[in-house]
């Protein structure tokens, strides 16, 4: 599981290791947050030169972990777990060091809480979407979509599909069969230029529903066909997406309205605000 956390409104990329049950954080992001340097690579190089012990175990203690790059593509990023990150922070003179340590402890603890009680993760996610201004109905669909997606990826793992690259290919197959667009094409369609934008956070209710249908159908077909390995699961992905695509086309024919929408987060939340204003009492 990959995610982005915020420290003082600045992004810190992180990835959860299921095998080790701990977070790994992007070293470059942490250094940038603590120092404000415009040349992170150069700062890290100098940091290693002046700290011989840190440099000696750099490759072992700071492994490459797959996380999203600046362009949104998954690639190996130099990372550290909480223990090694605290060791790194000691070598960085920064007034933000202590607040960052407290933030780091909080982030780690929250994840452990969520493992013990998955409902906490859903509650925290719901709160984040509420604070951003999404409607209750939209949030319900988004959270349900996350559960459907998790069920699908768990099934892929059981069936020998490799994470990241193959997951992305299969997801693109489902999306293309469902909407006639890959996720990358869909982001262009919605004018989402920022690589960090999550496409599903910019979908309308109907788009979320058909996304769920495509992924739920894929899961069911993979189970019934006992799809094994990437090629067979690719066929299941196309078939699952086709189920949703056929349903989408039938709805569009009968409603006269296209399901795929250019609306994004801004327009989705503005609609909610307008709706609230309509129900506010008018000034005398």
C-alpha atoms as a PDB file:
ATOM      1  CA  UNK A   1       0.000   0.000   0.000  1.00  0.00           C
ATOM      2  CA  UNK A   2       1.374   3.374  -1.022  1.00  0.00           C
ATOM      3  CA  UNK A   3       0.197   6.733   0.233  1.00  0.00           C
ATOM      4  CA  UNK A   4       1.128  10.350   0.683  1.00  0.00           C
ATOM      5  CA  UNK A   5       1.100  11.950   4.126  1.00  0.00           C
ATOM      6  CA  UNK A   6       1.219  15.682   4.839  1.00  0.00           C
ATOM      7  CA  UNK A   7       3.581  17.439   7.239  1.00  0.00           C
ATOM      8  CA  UNK A   8       2.938  21.181   7.448  1.00  0.00           C
ATOM      9  CA  UNK A   9       1.074  20.945   4.101  1.00  0.00           C
ATOM     10  CA  UNK A  10       4.076  19.345   2.390  1.00  0.00           C
ATOM     11  CA  UNK A  11       3.893  15.885   0.846  1.00  0.00           C
ATOM     12  CA  UNK A  12       5.874  12.958   2.227  1.00  0.00           C
ATOM     13  CA  UNK A  13       5.608   9.799   0.159  1.00  0.00           C
ATOM     14  CA  UNK A  14       5.396   6.524   2.050  1.00  0.00           C
ATOM     15  CA  UNK A  15       4.799   2.829   1.387  1.00  0.00           C
ATOM     16  CA  UNK A  16       3.563   0.169   3.789  1.00  0.00           C
ATOM     17  CA  UNK A  17       5.430  -3.161   3.832  1.00  0.00           C
ATOM     18  CA  UNK A  18       3.005  -5.997   4.545  1.00  0.00           C
ATOM     19  CA  UNK A  19       5.833  -8.462   5.132  1.00  0.00           C
ATOM     20  CA  UNK A  20       7.665  -6.261   7.643  1.00  0.00           C
ATOM     21  CA  UNK A  21       4.531  -4.469   8.885  1.00  0.00           C
ATOM     22  CA  UNK A  22       6.065  -1.003   8.895  1.00  0.00           C
ATOM     23  CA  UNK A  23       6.126   2.222   6.894  1.00  0.00           C
ATOM     24  CA  UNK A  24       8.947   3.290   4.604  1.00  0.00           C
ATOM     25  CA  UNK A  25       9.263   7.039   3.924  1.00  0.00           C
ATOM     26  CA  UNK A  26      10.902   8.827   0.998  1.00  0.00           C
ATOM     27  CA  UNK A  27      14.226  10.227   2.202  1.00  0.00           C
ATOM     28  CA  UNK A  28      14.235  12.979  -0.416  1.00  0.00           C
ATOM     29  CA  UNK A  29      10.805  14.198   0.731  1.00  0.00           C
ATOM     30  CA  UNK A  30      11.843  14.232   4.400  1.00  0.00           C
ATOM     31  CA  UNK A  31      15.074  16.132   3.675  1.00  0.00           C
ATOM     32  CA  UNK A  32      13.184  18.699   1.608  1.00  0.00           C
ATOM     33  CA  UNK A  33      10.594  19.182   4.356  1.00  0.00           C
ATOM     34  CA  UNK A  34      13.208  19.642   7.090  1.00  0.00           C
ATOM     35  CA  UNK A  35      15.690  21.805   5.179  1.00  0.00           C
ATOM     36  CA  UNK A  36      13.760  23.568   2.445  1.00  0.00           C
ATOM     37  CA  UNK A  37      16.703  22.928   0.128  1.00  0.00           C
ATOM     38  CA  UNK A  38      16.153  23.290  -3.615  1.00  0.00           C
ATOM     39  CA  UNK A  39      18.782  20.617  -4.333  1.00  0.00           C
ATOM     40  CA  UNK A  40      17.867  17.570  -2.257  1.00  0.00           C
ATOM     41  CA  UNK A  41      20.293  15.188  -3.998  1.00  0.00           C
ATOM     42  CA  UNK A  42      23.232  17.462  -3.289  1.00  0.00           C
ATOM     43  CA  UNK A  43      22.200  17.931   0.359  1.00  0.00           C
ATOM     44  CA  UNK A  44      21.950  14.150   0.885  1.00  0.00           C
ATOM     45  CA  UNK A  45      25.361  13.668  -0.705  1.00  0.00           C
ATOM     46  CA  UNK A  46      26.938  16.201   1.669  1.00  0.00           C
ATOM     47  CA  UNK A  47      25.042  14.688   4.601  1.00  0.00           C
ATOM     48  CA  UNK A  48      26.534  11.270   3.912  1.00  0.00           C
ATOM     49  CA  UNK A  49      30.030  12.743   3.592  1.00  0.00           C
ATOM     50  CA  UNK A  50      29.949  14.372   7.012  1.00  0.00           C
ATOM     51  CA  UNK A  51      28.351  11.367   8.758  1.00  0.00           C
ATOM     52  CA  UNK A  52      30.606   8.346   8.199  1.00  0.00           C
ATOM     53  CA  UNK A  53      28.420   5.928  10.164  1.00  0.00           C
ATOM     54  CA  UNK A  54      25.301   6.919   8.241  1.00  0.00           C
ATOM     55  CA  UNK A  55      27.148   6.536   4.954  1.00  0.00           C
ATOM     56  CA  UNK A  56      28.601   3.119   5.857  1.00  0.00           C
ATOM     57  CA  UNK A  57      25.180   1.493   6.161  1.00  0.00           C
ATOM     58  CA  UNK A  58      23.362   3.633   3.603  1.00  0.00           C
ATOM     59  CA  UNK A  59      22.447   0.870   1.162  1.00  0.00           C
ATOM     60  CA  UNK A  60      21.366  -1.525   3.917  1.00  0.00           C
ATOM     61  CA  UNK A  61      19.410   0.882   6.096  1.00  0.00           C
ATOM     62  CA  UNK A  62      17.986   2.965   3.268  1.00  0.00           C
ATOM     63  CA  UNK A  63      16.724   0.524   0.614  1.00  0.00           C
ATOM     64  CA  UNK A  64      14.998   1.308  -2.657  1.00  0.00           C
ATOM     65  CA  UNK A  65      11.225   1.056  -2.242  1.00  0.00           C
ATOM     66  CA  UNK A  66       8.638   1.432  -5.014  1.00  0.00           C
ATOM     67  CA  UNK A  67       6.685   4.685  -4.706  1.00  0.00           C
ATOM     68  CA  UNK A  68       5.132   7.176  -7.145  1.00  0.00           C
ATOM     69  CA  UNK A  69       7.647   9.532  -8.756  1.00  0.00           C
ATOM     70  CA  UNK A  70       7.032  13.183  -9.610  1.00  0.00           C
ATOM     71  CA  UNK A  71       5.395  12.078 -12.872  1.00  0.00           C
ATOM     72  CA  UNK A  72       3.041   9.709 -11.052  1.00  0.00           C
ATOM     73  CA  UNK A  73       4.793   6.570 -12.336  1.00  0.00           C
ATOM     74  CA  UNK A  74       5.883   3.925  -9.834  1.00  0.00           C
ATOM     75  CA  UNK A  75       9.660   3.649  -9.501  1.00  0.00           C
ATOM     76  CA  UNK A  76      12.301   2.721  -6.873  1.00  0.00           C
ATOM     77  CA  UNK A  77      12.737   5.553  -4.358  1.00  0.00           C
ATOM     78  CA  UNK A  78      15.423   5.700  -1.654  1.00  0.00           C
ATOM     79  CA  UNK A  79      13.530   5.218   1.594  1.00  0.00           C
ATOM     80  CA  UNK A  80      13.925   4.574   5.327  1.00  0.00           C
ATOM     81  CA  UNK A  81      11.757   3.069   8.035  1.00  0.00           C
ATOM     82  CA  UNK A  82      10.879   5.012  11.172  1.00  0.00           C
ATOM     83  CA  UNK A  83      13.962   3.906  13.124  1.00  0.00           C
ATOM     84  CA  UNK A  84      16.412   4.786  10.360  1.00  0.00           C
ATOM     85  CA  UNK A  85      14.586   8.004   9.597  1.00  0.00           C
ATOM     86  CA  UNK A  86      15.022   9.149  13.205  1.00  0.00           C
ATOM     87  CA  UNK A  87      18.727   8.366  12.864  1.00  0.00           C
ATOM     88  CA  UNK A  88      18.836  10.455   9.687  1.00  0.00           C
ATOM     89  CA  UNK A  89      16.986  13.370  11.305  1.00  0.00           C
ATOM     90  CA  UNK A  90      19.646  13.555  14.029  1.00  0.00           C
ATOM     91  CA  UNK A  91      22.159  14.486  11.333  1.00  0.00           C
ATOM     92  CA  UNK A  92      20.010  17.329  10.002  1.00  0.00           C
ATOM     93  CA  UNK A  93      20.110  20.628  11.915  1.00  0.00           C
ATOM     94  CA  UNK A  94      16.547  21.882  11.628  1.00  0.00           C
ATOM     95  CA  UNK A  95      14.032  23.572  13.955  1.00  0.00           C
ATOM     96  CA  UNK A  96      11.406  21.277  12.428  1.00  0.00           C
ATOM     97  CA  UNK A  97      13.170  18.127  13.674  1.00  0.00           C
ATOM     98  CA  UNK A  98      11.211  17.700  16.915  1.00  0.00           C
ATOM     99  CA  UNK A  99       7.762  18.427  15.421  1.00  0.00           C
ATOM    100  CA  UNK A 100       8.601  16.014  12.602  1.00  0.00           C
ATOM    101  CA  UNK A 101       9.543  13.271  15.107  1.00  0.00           C
ATOM    102  CA  UNK A 102       6.175  13.653  16.826  1.00  0.00           C
ATOM    103  CA  UNK A 103       4.411  13.577  13.444  1.00  0.00           C
ATOM    104  CA  UNK A 104       6.352  10.448  12.486  1.00  0.00           C
ATOM    105  CA  UNK A 105       5.343   8.667  15.687  1.00  0.00           C
ATOM    106  CA  UNK A 106       1.696   9.614  15.133  1.00  0.00           C
ATOM    107  CA  UNK A 107       1.680   8.371  11.521  1.00  0.00           C
ATOM    108  CA  UNK A 108       3.239   5.045  12.512  1.00  0.00           C
ATOM    109  CA  UNK A 109       0.887   4.532  15.429  1.00  0.00           C
ATOM    110  CA  UNK A 110      -2.206   5.270  13.342  1.00  0.00           C
ATOM    111  CA  UNK A 111      -1.282   2.550  10.842  1.00  0.00           C
ATOM    112  CA  UNK A 112      -0.795  -0.014  13.618  1.00  0.00           C
ATOM    113  CA  UNK A 113      -4.196   0.974  15.007  1.00  0.00           C
ATOM    114  CA  UNK A 114      -5.764   0.467  11.585  1.00  0.00           C
ATOM    115  CA  UNK A 115      -4.289  -3.025  11.277  1.00  0.00           C
ATOM    116  CA  UNK A 116      -5.895  -3.970  14.598  1.00  0.00           C
ATOM    117  CA  UNK A 117      -9.158  -2.228  13.715  1.00  0.00           C
ATOM    118  CA  UNK A 118      -9.716  -1.631   9.947  1.00  0.00           C
ATOM    119  CA  UNK A 119     -12.816   0.449  10.706  1.00  0.00           C
ATOM    120  CA  UNK A 120     -10.513   3.229  11.954  1.00  0.00           C
ATOM    121  CA  UNK A 121      -8.958   3.549   8.484  1.00  0.00           C
ATOM    122  CA  UNK A 122     -12.407   3.991   6.937  1.00  0.00           C
ATOM    123  CA  UNK A 123     -13.383   6.574   9.571  1.00  0.00           C
ATOM    124  CA  UNK A 124     -10.204   8.593   9.016  1.00  0.00           C
ATOM    125  CA  UNK A 125     -10.661   8.447   5.262  1.00  0.00           C
ATOM    126  CA  UNK A 126     -14.286   9.540   5.574  1.00  0.00           C
ATOM    127  CA  UNK A 127     -13.224  12.509   7.723  1.00  0.00           C
ATOM    128  CA  UNK A 128     -10.613  13.590   5.157  1.00  0.00           C
ATOM    129  CA  UNK A 129     -13.183  13.558   2.336  1.00  0.00           C
ATOM    130  CA  UNK A 130     -15.707  15.430   4.495  1.00  0.00           C
ATOM    131  CA  UNK A 131     -13.123  18.116   5.246  1.00  0.00           C
ATOM    132  CA  UNK A 132     -12.429  18.466   1.532  1.00  0.00           C
ATOM    133  CA  UNK A 133     -16.117  19.141   0.919  1.00  0.00           C
ATOM    134  CA  UNK A 134     -17.395  15.955  -0.731  1.00  0.00           C
ATOM    135  CA  UNK A 135     -21.045  14.971  -0.235  1.00  0.00           C
ATOM    136  CA  UNK A 136     -22.051  12.084   2.021  1.00  0.00           C
ATOM    137  CA  UNK A 137     -23.503  10.147  -0.929  1.00  0.00           C
ATOM    138  CA  UNK A 138     -20.262  10.507  -2.894  1.00  0.00           C
ATOM    139  CA  UNK A 139     -18.143   9.443   0.106  1.00  0.00           C
ATOM    140  CA  UNK A 140     -20.242   6.295   0.568  1.00  0.00           C
ATOM    141  CA  UNK A 141     -19.605   5.273  -3.041  1.00  0.00           C
ATOM    142  CA  UNK A 142     -15.909   6.149  -2.855  1.00  0.00           C
ATOM    143  CA  UNK A 143     -15.369   4.042   0.277  1.00  0.00           C
ATOM    144  CA  UNK A 144     -17.332   1.162  -1.218  1.00  0.00           C
ATOM    145  CA  UNK A 145     -15.208   1.460  -4.346  1.00  0.00           C
ATOM    146  CA  UNK A 146     -12.044   1.178  -2.264  1.00  0.00           C
ATOM    147  CA  UNK A 147     -13.359  -2.036  -0.695  1.00  0.00           C
ATOM    148  CA  UNK A 148     -14.199  -3.458  -4.142  1.00  0.00           C
ATOM    149  CA  UNK A 149     -10.739  -2.511  -5.420  1.00  0.00           C
ATOM    150  CA  UNK A 150      -9.034  -4.137  -2.404  1.00  0.00           C
ATOM    151  CA  UNK A 151     -10.964  -7.357  -3.000  1.00  0.00           C
ATOM    152  CA  UNK A 152      -9.832  -7.362  -6.627  1.00  0.00           C
ATOM    153  CA  UNK A 153      -6.147  -6.743  -5.877  1.00  0.00           C
ATOM    154  CA  UNK A 154      -6.186  -9.408  -3.151  1.00  0.00           C
ATOM    155  CA  UNK A 155      -7.563 -11.837  -5.734  1.00  0.00           C
ATOM    156  CA  UNK A 156      -4.871 -10.844  -8.230  1.00  0.00           C
ATOM    157  CA  UNK A 157      -2.149 -11.496  -5.641  1.00  0.00           C
ATOM    158  CA  UNK A 158      -3.550 -14.969  -4.931  1.00  0.00           C
ATOM    159  CA  UNK A 159      -3.563 -15.712  -8.671  1.00  0.00           C
ATOM    160  CA  UNK A 160       0.070 -14.828  -9.322  1.00  0.00           C
ATOM    161  CA  UNK A 161      -0.304 -11.329 -10.733  1.00  0.00           C
ATOM    162  CA  UNK A 162       2.705  -9.158  -9.927  1.00  0.00           C
ATOM    163  CA  UNK A 163       1.995  -5.923  -8.099  1.00  0.00           C
ATOM    164  CA  UNK A 164       2.517  -2.410  -9.478  1.00  0.00           C
ATOM    165  CA  UNK A 165       3.276  -2.890 -13.208  1.00  0.00           C
ATOM    166  CA  UNK A 166       0.896  -5.794 -13.927  1.00  0.00           C
ATOM    167  CA  UNK A 167      -1.766  -4.316 -11.619  1.00  0.00           C
ATOM    168  CA  UNK A 168      -1.571  -1.094 -13.637  1.00  0.00           C
ATOM    169  CA  UNK A 169      -1.908  -2.940 -16.953  1.00  0.00           C
ATOM    170  CA  UNK A 170      -4.945  -4.918 -15.774  1.00  0.00           C
ATOM    171  CA  UNK A 171      -6.550  -1.783 -14.323  1.00  0.00           C
ATOM    172  CA  UNK A 172      -6.078  -0.057 -17.669  1.00  0.00           C
ATOM    173  CA  UNK A 173      -7.765  -3.026 -19.432  1.00  0.00           C
ATOM    174  CA  UNK A 174     -10.812  -2.764 -17.136  1.00  0.00           C
ATOM    175  CA  UNK A 175     -11.020   1.011 -17.558  1.00  0.00           C
ATOM    176  CA  UNK A 176     -10.714   0.874 -21.346  1.00  0.00           C
ATOM    177  CA  UNK A 177     -13.449  -1.768 -21.618  1.00  0.00           C
ATOM    178  CA  UNK A 178     -15.668   0.139 -19.162  1.00  0.00           C
ATOM    179  CA  UNK A 179     -15.238   3.735 -20.347  1.00  0.00           C
ATOM    180  CA  UNK A 180     -13.324   3.483 -23.618  1.00  0.00           C
ATOM    181  CA  UNK A 181     -10.336   5.175 -21.935  1.00  0.00           C
ATOM    182  CA  UNK A 182      -7.320   4.054 -19.941  1.00  0.00           C
ATOM    183  CA  UNK A 183      -6.799   5.840 -16.575  1.00  0.00           C
ATOM    184  CA  UNK A 184      -4.121   8.053 -18.170  1.00  0.00           C
ATOM    185  CA  UNK A 185      -6.479   9.017 -21.010  1.00  0.00           C
ATOM    186  CA  UNK A 186      -9.273   9.588 -18.501  1.00  0.00           C
ATOM    187  CA  UNK A 187      -7.090  12.008 -16.521  1.00  0.00           C
ATOM    188  CA  UNK A 188      -6.388  13.947 -19.708  1.00  0.00           C
ATOM    189  CA  UNK A 189     -10.131  13.944 -20.442  1.00  0.00           C
ATOM    190  CA  UNK A 190     -10.785  15.502 -17.029  1.00  0.00           C
ATOM    191  CA  UNK A 191      -7.847  17.915 -17.403  1.00  0.00           C
ATOM    192  CA  UNK A 192      -6.014  16.535 -14.361  1.00  0.00           C
ATOM    193  CA  UNK A 193      -2.498  17.756 -15.082  1.00  0.00           C
ATOM    194  CA  UNK A 194      -1.012  17.094 -11.618  1.00  0.00           C
ATOM    195  CA  UNK A 195       0.554  13.579 -11.549  1.00  0.00           C
ATOM    196  CA  UNK A 196      -0.433  13.254  -7.880  1.00  0.00           C
ATOM    197  CA  UNK A 197      -4.144  13.608  -8.681  1.00  0.00           C
ATOM    198  CA  UNK A 198      -6.101  10.440  -7.925  1.00  0.00           C
ATOM    199  CA  UNK A 199      -8.519   9.916 -10.824  1.00  0.00           C
ATOM    200  CA  UNK A 200     -11.198   8.327  -8.637  1.00  0.00           C
ATOM    201  CA  UNK A 201     -11.246  11.326  -6.315  1.00  0.00           C
ATOM    202  CA  UNK A 202     -12.408  13.319  -9.347  1.00  0.00           C
ATOM    203  CA  UNK A 203     -15.149  10.943 -10.503  1.00  0.00           C
ATOM    204  CA  UNK A 204     -18.881  11.587 -10.328  1.00  0.00           C
ATOM    205  CA  UNK A 205     -21.239   9.172  -8.570  1.00  0.00           C
ATOM    206  CA  UNK A 206     -22.053   7.354 -11.817  1.00  0.00           C
ATOM    207  CA  UNK A 207     -18.403   7.055 -12.811  1.00  0.00           C
ATOM    208  CA  UNK A 208     -17.631   5.499  -9.430  1.00  0.00           C
ATOM    209  CA  UNK A 209     -20.547   3.067  -9.802  1.00  0.00           C
ATOM    210  CA  UNK A 210     -19.403   1.813 -13.214  1.00  0.00           C
ATOM    211  CA  UNK A 211     -15.787   1.611 -11.998  1.00  0.00           C
ATOM    212  CA  UNK A 212     -16.997  -0.624  -9.164  1.00  0.00           C
ATOM    213  CA  UNK A 213     -19.056  -2.728 -11.561  1.00  0.00           C
ATOM    214  CA  UNK A 214     -16.058  -3.312 -13.823  1.00  0.00           C
ATOM    215  CA  UNK A 215     -13.786  -4.317 -10.956  1.00  0.00           C
ATOM    216  CA  UNK A 216     -16.376  -6.418  -9.112  1.00  0.00           C
ATOM    217  CA  UNK A 217     -17.197  -8.229 -12.367  1.00  0.00           C
ATOM    218  CA  UNK A 218     -13.499  -8.887 -12.970  1.00  0.00           C
ATOM    219  CA  UNK A 219     -13.126 -10.376  -9.490  1.00  0.00           C
ATOM    220  CA  UNK A 220     -16.116 -12.658 -10.010  1.00  0.00           C
ATOM    221  CA  UNK A 221     -14.975 -13.805 -13.463  1.00  0.00           C
ATOM    222  CA  UNK A 222     -11.410 -14.476 -12.233  1.00  0.00           C
ATOM    223  CA  UNK A 223     -12.837 -16.646  -9.448  1.00  0.00           C
ATOM    224  CA  UNK A 224     -15.267 -18.569 -11.658  1.00  0.00           C
ATOM    225  CA  UNK A 225     -12.689 -19.124 -14.410  1.00  0.00           C
ATOM    226  CA  UNK A 226      -9.940 -19.812 -11.837  1.00  0.00           C
ATOM    227  CA  UNK A 227      -7.689 -17.429 -13.783  1.00  0.00           C
ATOM    228  CA  UNK A 228      -4.014 -18.019 -13.019  1.00  0.00           C
ATOM    229  CA  UNK A 229      -1.113 -15.746 -13.916  1.00  0.00           C
ATOM    230  CA  UNK A 230      -1.075 -12.501 -15.857  1.00  0.00           C
ATOM    231  CA  UNK A 231      -2.414 -13.617 -19.315  1.00  0.00           C
ATOM    232  CA  UNK A 232      -5.519 -15.329 -17.927  1.00  0.00           C
ATOM    233  CA  UNK A 233      -6.257 -12.459 -15.550  1.00  0.00           C
ATOM    234  CA  UNK A 234      -5.860 -10.037 -18.428  1.00  0.00           C
ATOM    235  CA  UNK A 235      -8.670 -11.881 -20.224  1.00  0.00           C
ATOM    236  CA  UNK A 236     -10.772 -11.706 -17.047  1.00  0.00           C
ATOM    237  CA  UNK A 237     -10.079  -7.965 -16.780  1.00  0.00           C
ATOM    238  CA  UNK A 238     -11.270  -7.372 -20.346  1.00  0.00           C
ATOM    239  CA  UNK A 239     -14.371  -9.483 -19.717  1.00  0.00           C
ATOM    240  CA  UNK A 240     -15.165  -7.712 -16.439  1.00  0.00           C
ATOM    241  CA  UNK A 241     -14.706  -4.305 -17.997  1.00  0.00           C
ATOM    242  CA  UNK A 242     -16.911  -5.328 -20.921  1.00  0.00           C
ATOM    243  CA  UNK A 243     -19.761  -6.172 -18.528  1.00  0.00           C
ATOM    244  CA  UNK A 244     -19.568  -2.625 -17.126  1.00  0.00           C
ATOM    245  CA  UNK A 245     -19.042  -1.125 -20.586  1.00  0.00           C
ATOM    246  CA  UNK A 246     -22.183  -2.772 -21.958  1.00  0.00           C
ATOM    247  CA  UNK A 247     -24.206  -1.538 -18.978  1.00  0.00           C
ATOM    248  CA  UNK A 248     -22.799   1.969 -19.431  1.00  0.00           C
ATOM    249  CA  UNK A 249     -23.719   2.079 -23.127  1.00  0.00           C
ATOM    250  CA  UNK A 250     -27.237   0.851 -22.405  1.00  0.00           C
ATOM    251  CA  UNK A 251     -27.726   3.577 -19.785  1.00  0.00           C
ATOM    252  CA  UNK A 252     -26.343   6.244 -22.124  1.00  0.00           C
ATOM    253  CA  UNK A 253     -28.712   5.108 -24.882  1.00  0.00           C
ATOM    254  CA  UNK A 254     -31.765   5.267 -22.632  1.00  0.00           C
ATOM    255  CA  UNK A 255     -30.807   8.445 -20.738  1.00  0.00           C
ATOM    256  CA  UNK A 256     -29.260  10.347 -23.628  1.00  0.00           C
ATOM    257  CA  UNK A 257     -26.402  11.421 -21.359  1.00  0.00           C
ATOM    258  CA  UNK A 258     -22.771  10.349 -21.406  1.00  0.00           C
ATOM    259  CA  UNK A 259     -21.529   8.722 -18.189  1.00  0.00           C
ATOM    260  CA  UNK A 260     -17.900   9.862 -18.538  1.00  0.00           C
ATOM    261  CA  UNK A 261     -17.820  13.444 -17.300  1.00  0.00           C
ATOM    262  CA  UNK A 262     -15.270  16.239 -17.492  1.00  0.00           C
ATOM    263  CA  UNK A 263     -16.217  17.199 -13.923  1.00  0.00           C
ATOM    264  CA  UNK A 264     -13.377  17.026 -11.408  1.00  0.00           C
ATOM    265  CA  UNK A 265     -12.952  17.602  -7.669  1.00  0.00           C
ATOM    266  CA  UNK A 266     -13.430  21.364  -7.908  1.00  0.00           C
ATOM    267  CA  UNK A 267     -16.716  21.112  -9.789  1.00  0.00           C
ATOM    268  CA  UNK A 268     -17.916  18.214  -7.631  1.00  0.00           C
ATOM    269  CA  UNK A 269     -17.423  20.157  -4.391  1.00  0.00           C
ATOM    270  CA  UNK A 270     -18.705  23.425  -5.870  1.00  0.00           C
ATOM    271  CA  UNK A 271     -21.966  21.625  -6.693  1.00  0.00           C
ATOM    272  CA  UNK A 272     -22.277  20.639  -3.039  1.00  0.00           C
ATOM    273  CA  UNK A 273     -21.607  24.214  -1.864  1.00  0.00           C
ATOM    274  CA  UNK A 274     -24.236  25.581  -4.266  1.00  0.00           C
ATOM    275  CA  UNK A 275     -26.725  23.032  -2.963  1.00  0.00           C
ATOM    276  CA  UNK A 276     -26.047  24.075   0.610  1.00  0.00           C
ATOM    277  CA  UNK A 277     -26.469  27.761  -0.247  1.00  0.00           C
ATOM    278  CA  UNK A 278     -29.893  27.061  -1.741  1.00  0.00           C
ATOM    279  CA  UNK A 279     -31.076  25.710   1.620  1.00  0.00           C
ATOM    280  CA  UNK A 280     -29.646  28.535   3.735  1.00  0.00           C
ATOM    281  CA  UNK A 281     -32.158  31.124   5.051  1.00  0.00           C
ATOM    282  CA  UNK A 282     -32.082  34.333   3.025  1.00  0.00           C
ATOM    283  CA  UNK A 283     -31.092  37.564   4.710  1.00  0.00           C
ATOM    284  CA  UNK A 284     -33.944  40.007   5.428  1.00  0.00           C
END
